[in-house]
Amino acid sequence: MTAPRAHSLDLDPERVANDLAALVLAVVELLRQLMERQAVRRFDEGTLSAEQQDRLGTALMLLDRRMDDLCAQHGLSRADLNLDLGPLGPLLADPEP
């Protein structure tokens, strides 16, 4: 007779897919935020031409919209993407609701 497993995993394929999508989107959101901060720094330093500012602003705006689309497609909000890193605090700087 075998003893019941104390720690069994429930690997529901749909939940695993949703969790994976949330993890991937969290990484993409982190990179988006880092790119946005870098762009703001470069704007403030005046190291970008007017054309570069326009292109960068447009690219960041489109990426932001695409993130909204992807979150909606997977039933997530930006706040859902913020991972708690314990003593280090939240992964994302300022998640949007």
N, C-alpha and C. Protein backbone atom coordinates (compact mmCIF):
# COMPACT_ATOMS: atom_id res chain seq x y z
N MET A 1 0.84 -1.17 0.00
CA MET A 1 0.00 0.00 0.00
C MET A 1 0.90 1.24 0.00
N THR A 2 0.61 2.20 -0.87
CA THR A 2 1.41 3.41 -0.97
C THR A 2 0.74 4.54 -0.21
N ALA A 3 1.57 5.35 0.40
CA ALA A 3 1.06 6.50 1.14
C ALA A 3 0.67 7.61 0.17
N PRO A 4 -0.37 8.39 0.49
CA PRO A 4 -0.75 9.51 -0.38
C PRO A 4 0.39 10.53 -0.43
N ARG A 5 0.52 11.15 -1.57
CA ARG A 5 1.57 12.16 -1.76
C ARG A 5 1.19 13.44 -1.02
N ALA A 6 2.11 13.91 -0.23
CA ALA A 6 1.86 15.11 0.57
C ALA A 6 1.81 16.37 -0.29
N HIS A 7 2.63 16.42 -1.33
CA HIS A 7 2.72 17.62 -2.16
C HIS A 7 2.52 17.24 -3.62
N SER A 8 1.29 17.13 -4.02
CA SER A 8 1.05 16.81 -5.43
C SER A 8 0.84 18.10 -6.21
N LEU A 9 1.21 18.06 -7.46
CA LEU A 9 1.06 19.22 -8.33
C LEU A 9 -0.21 19.09 -9.14
N ASP A 10 -0.94 20.18 -9.22
CA ASP A 10 -2.12 20.23 -10.07
C ASP A 10 -1.72 20.99 -11.33
N LEU A 11 -1.43 20.27 -12.39
CA LEU A 11 -0.95 20.90 -13.62
C LEU A 11 -2.09 21.01 -14.63
N ASP A 12 -3.01 21.90 -14.33
CA ASP A 12 -4.10 22.19 -15.25
C ASP A 12 -3.50 22.92 -16.45
N PRO A 13 -3.60 22.35 -17.65
CA PRO A 13 -2.96 22.96 -18.82
C PRO A 13 -3.36 24.41 -19.06
N GLU A 14 -4.61 24.76 -18.83
CA GLU A 14 -5.05 26.14 -19.06
C GLU A 14 -4.41 27.08 -18.04
N ARG A 15 -4.35 26.65 -16.80
CA ARG A 15 -3.74 27.50 -15.76
C ARG A 15 -2.24 27.66 -16.02
N VAL A 16 -1.59 26.57 -16.41
CA VAL A 16 -0.16 26.65 -16.71
C VAL A 16 0.09 27.63 -17.85
N ALA A 17 -0.74 27.58 -18.89
CA ALA A 17 -0.59 28.48 -20.03
C ALA A 17 -0.81 29.93 -19.60
N ASN A 18 -1.82 30.18 -18.77
CA ASN A 18 -2.09 31.54 -18.29
C ASN A 18 -0.96 32.05 -17.40
N ASP A 19 -0.44 31.19 -16.53
CA ASP A 19 0.66 31.59 -15.66
C ASP A 19 1.92 31.89 -16.48
N LEU A 20 2.16 31.09 -17.51
CA LEU A 20 3.32 31.33 -18.37
C LEU A 20 3.16 32.65 -19.12
N ALA A 21 1.95 32.91 -19.62
CA ALA A 21 1.69 34.18 -20.31
C ALA A 21 1.92 35.35 -19.35
N ALA A 22 1.47 35.22 -18.11
CA ALA A 22 1.66 36.29 -17.12
C ALA A 22 3.14 36.51 -16.84
N LEU A 23 3.90 35.43 -16.75
CA LEU A 23 5.34 35.56 -16.50
C LEU A 23 6.05 36.24 -17.67
N VAL A 24 5.73 35.83 -18.88
CA VAL A 24 6.34 36.44 -20.06
C VAL A 24 5.97 37.91 -20.15
N LEU A 25 4.71 38.23 -19.92
CA LEU A 25 4.28 39.63 -19.97
C LEU A 25 4.93 40.45 -18.85
N ALA A 26 5.18 39.84 -17.69
CA ALA A 26 5.86 40.56 -16.62
C ALA A 26 7.28 40.93 -17.05
N VAL A 27 7.96 40.02 -17.71
CA VAL A 27 9.32 40.31 -18.19
C VAL A 27 9.27 41.40 -19.25
N VAL A 28 8.31 41.31 -20.16
CA VAL A 28 8.19 42.33 -21.22
C VAL A 28 7.86 43.68 -20.60
N GLU A 29 6.99 43.70 -19.61
CA GLU A 29 6.64 44.96 -18.94
C GLU A 29 7.85 45.54 -18.22
N LEU A 30 8.65 44.69 -17.58
CA LEU A 30 9.86 45.18 -16.93
C LEU A 30 10.79 45.82 -17.96
N LEU A 31 10.99 45.17 -19.08
CA LEU A 31 11.85 45.72 -20.14
C LEU A 31 11.26 47.02 -20.70
N ARG A 32 9.94 47.07 -20.86
CA ARG A 32 9.30 48.29 -21.35
C ARG A 32 9.55 49.45 -20.39
N GLN A 33 9.41 49.18 -19.09
CA GLN A 33 9.64 50.23 -18.10
C GLN A 33 11.10 50.69 -18.10
N LEU A 34 12.02 49.74 -18.24
CA LEU A 34 13.43 50.11 -18.30
C LEU A 34 13.74 50.96 -19.52
N MET A 35 13.16 50.58 -20.67
CA MET A 35 13.36 51.37 -21.90
C MET A 35 12.77 52.76 -21.74
N GLU A 36 11.62 52.85 -21.10
CA GLU A 36 10.98 54.14 -20.90
C GLU A 36 11.84 55.04 -20.00
N ARG A 37 12.39 54.48 -18.94
CA ARG A 37 13.26 55.27 -18.05
C ARG A 37 14.51 55.74 -18.78
N GLN A 38 15.08 54.85 -19.59
CA GLN A 38 16.26 55.22 -20.37
C GLN A 38 15.93 56.35 -21.35
N ALA A 39 14.76 56.26 -21.98
CA ALA A 39 14.34 57.30 -22.92
C ALA A 39 14.17 58.63 -22.20
N VAL A 40 13.53 58.62 -21.04
CA VAL A 40 13.33 59.86 -20.28
C VAL A 40 14.69 60.46 -19.90
N ARG A 41 15.61 59.61 -19.49
CA ARG A 41 16.95 60.10 -19.14
C ARG A 41 17.60 60.77 -20.35
N ARG A 42 17.48 60.13 -21.50
CA ARG A 42 18.10 60.70 -22.71
C ARG A 42 17.39 61.98 -23.15
N PHE A 43 16.06 62.03 -22.98
CA PHE A 43 15.33 63.27 -23.28
C PHE A 43 15.87 64.39 -22.39
N ASP A 44 15.97 64.10 -21.08
CA ASP A 44 16.43 65.10 -20.11
C ASP A 44 17.85 65.57 -20.39
N GLU A 45 18.70 64.66 -20.84
CA GLU A 45 20.09 65.02 -21.13
C GLU A 45 20.24 65.75 -22.46
N GLY A 46 19.21 65.69 -23.29
CA GLY A 46 19.26 66.34 -24.59
C GLY A 46 20.16 65.64 -25.59
N THR A 47 20.30 64.31 -25.45
CA THR A 47 21.20 63.56 -26.34
C THR A 47 20.48 62.99 -27.56
N LEU A 48 19.21 63.32 -27.72
CA LEU A 48 18.43 62.81 -28.86
C LEU A 48 18.06 63.95 -29.80
N SER A 49 18.10 63.67 -31.08
CA SER A 49 17.62 64.65 -32.06
C SER A 49 16.09 64.68 -31.99
N ALA A 50 15.50 65.67 -32.60
CA ALA A 50 14.03 65.77 -32.63
C ALA A 50 13.43 64.54 -33.31
N GLU A 51 14.06 64.07 -34.37
CA GLU A 51 13.56 62.89 -35.07
C GLU A 51 13.66 61.65 -34.18
N GLN A 52 14.76 61.51 -33.47
CA GLN A 52 14.92 60.37 -32.57
C GLN A 52 13.89 60.43 -31.44
N GLN A 53 13.62 61.62 -30.94
CA GLN A 53 12.62 61.77 -29.90
C GLN A 53 11.25 61.34 -30.40
N ASP A 54 10.89 61.76 -31.61
CA ASP A 54 9.61 61.37 -32.18
C ASP A 54 9.50 59.87 -32.37
N ARG A 55 10.55 59.28 -32.94
CA ARG A 55 10.53 57.83 -33.19
C ARG A 55 10.47 57.04 -31.88
N LEU A 56 11.25 57.45 -30.90
CA LEU A 56 11.26 56.77 -29.62
C LEU A 56 9.93 56.92 -28.90
N GLY A 57 9.39 58.12 -28.93
CA GLY A 57 8.08 58.33 -28.31
C GLY A 57 6.99 57.50 -28.96
N THR A 58 7.01 57.43 -30.28
CA THR A 58 6.02 56.62 -31.01
C THR A 58 6.19 55.14 -30.69
N ALA A 59 7.43 54.67 -30.67
CA ALA A 59 7.69 53.25 -30.38
C ALA A 59 7.23 52.88 -28.97
N LEU A 60 7.52 53.74 -28.00
CA LEU A 60 7.09 53.45 -26.63
C LEU A 60 5.58 53.50 -26.50
N MET A 61 4.93 54.41 -27.19
CA MET A 61 3.47 54.49 -27.16
C MET A 61 2.85 53.23 -27.76
N LEU A 62 3.39 52.78 -28.89
CA LEU A 62 2.87 51.57 -29.53
C LEU A 62 3.11 50.34 -28.66
N LEU A 63 4.27 50.25 -28.03
CA LEU A 63 4.56 49.13 -27.14
C LEU A 63 3.61 49.13 -25.95
N ASP A 64 3.32 50.31 -25.42
CA ASP A 64 2.39 50.42 -24.30
C ASP A 64 1.00 49.93 -24.70
N ARG A 65 0.54 50.34 -25.87
CA ARG A 65 -0.77 49.89 -26.36
C ARG A 65 -0.79 48.38 -26.58
N ARG A 66 0.31 47.85 -27.14
CA ARG A 66 0.39 46.41 -27.39
C ARG A 66 0.37 45.63 -26.08
N MET A 67 1.01 46.16 -25.06
CA MET A 67 0.96 45.52 -23.74
C MET A 67 -0.47 45.48 -23.21
N ASP A 68 -1.21 46.58 -23.39
CA ASP A 68 -2.62 46.59 -22.99
C ASP A 68 -3.40 45.51 -23.74
N ASP A 69 -3.15 45.39 -25.05
CA ASP A 69 -3.84 44.38 -25.86
C ASP A 69 -3.51 42.97 -25.38
N LEU A 70 -2.24 42.70 -25.14
CA LEU A 70 -1.83 41.37 -24.71
C LEU A 70 -2.37 41.03 -23.32
N CYS A 71 -2.37 42.02 -22.42
CA CYS A 71 -2.95 41.78 -21.10
C CYS A 71 -4.43 41.46 -21.22
N ALA A 72 -5.15 42.23 -22.01
CA ALA A 72 -6.58 41.98 -22.19
C ALA A 72 -6.83 40.61 -22.82
N GLN A 73 -6.01 40.24 -23.77
CA GLN A 73 -6.15 38.94 -24.44
C GLN A 73 -6.01 37.78 -23.45
N HIS A 74 -5.20 37.96 -22.42
CA HIS A 74 -4.97 36.90 -21.44
C HIS A 74 -5.73 37.14 -20.13
N GLY A 75 -6.61 38.14 -20.12
CA GLY A 75 -7.41 38.41 -18.93
C GLY A 75 -6.60 38.92 -17.75
N LEU A 76 -5.57 39.69 -18.05
CA LEU A 76 -4.69 40.23 -17.01
C LEU A 76 -4.73 41.75 -16.99
N SER A 77 -4.38 42.31 -15.85
CA SER A 77 -4.17 43.76 -15.76
C SER A 77 -2.67 43.98 -15.57
N ARG A 78 -2.23 45.19 -15.74
CA ARG A 78 -0.81 45.48 -15.51
C ARG A 78 -0.43 45.16 -14.06
N ALA A 79 -1.33 45.40 -13.12
CA ALA A 79 -1.05 45.09 -11.71
C ALA A 79 -0.83 43.60 -11.51
N ASP A 80 -1.50 42.77 -12.30
CA ASP A 80 -1.31 41.32 -12.20
C ASP A 80 0.10 40.88 -12.57
N LEU A 81 0.80 41.71 -13.31
CA LEU A 81 2.14 41.36 -13.78
C LEU A 81 3.22 41.64 -12.74
N ASN A 82 2.89 42.37 -11.71
CA ASN A 82 3.88 42.76 -10.71
C ASN A 82 4.13 41.59 -9.76
N LEU A 83 5.36 41.09 -9.77
CA LEU A 83 5.73 39.97 -8.92
C LEU A 83 6.31 40.48 -7.61
N ASP A 84 5.92 39.85 -6.52
CA ASP A 84 6.45 40.20 -5.21
C ASP A 84 7.77 39.46 -5.03
N LEU A 85 8.84 40.20 -4.89
CA LEU A 85 10.17 39.61 -4.73
C LEU A 85 10.59 39.54 -3.26
N GLY A 86 9.62 39.47 -2.38
CA GLY A 86 9.89 39.34 -0.96
C GLY A 86 10.59 40.56 -0.41
N PRO A 87 11.75 40.35 0.24
CA PRO A 87 12.45 41.48 0.86
C PRO A 87 12.94 42.53 -0.15
N LEU A 88 13.02 42.15 -1.42
CA LEU A 88 13.45 43.12 -2.43
C LEU A 88 12.32 44.04 -2.86
N GLY A 89 11.09 43.67 -2.56
CA GLY A 89 9.94 44.47 -2.94
C GLY A 89 9.36 44.02 -4.25
N PRO A 90 8.48 44.82 -4.85
CA PRO A 90 7.84 44.45 -6.11
C PRO A 90 8.81 44.54 -7.28
N LEU A 91 8.57 43.70 -8.29
CA LEU A 91 9.41 43.70 -9.48
C LEU A 91 9.27 44.99 -10.28
N LEU A 92 8.03 45.41 -10.50
CA LEU A 92 7.76 46.57 -11.36
C LEU A 92 7.65 47.83 -10.53
N ALA A 93 8.12 48.91 -11.11
CA ALA A 93 8.19 50.19 -10.39
C ALA A 93 6.83 50.72 -9.98
N ASP A 94 5.95 50.85 -10.93
CA ASP A 94 4.66 51.47 -10.65
C ASP A 94 3.63 50.84 -11.57
N PRO A 95 3.12 49.66 -11.20
CA PRO A 95 2.18 49.00 -12.11
C PRO A 95 0.92 49.82 -12.29
N GLU A 96 0.44 49.81 -13.51
CA GLU A 96 -0.79 50.53 -13.82
C GLU A 96 -1.97 49.60 -13.55
N PRO A 97 -3.07 50.12 -13.02
CA PRO A 97 -4.24 49.27 -12.74
C PRO A 97 -4.89 48.75 -14.00
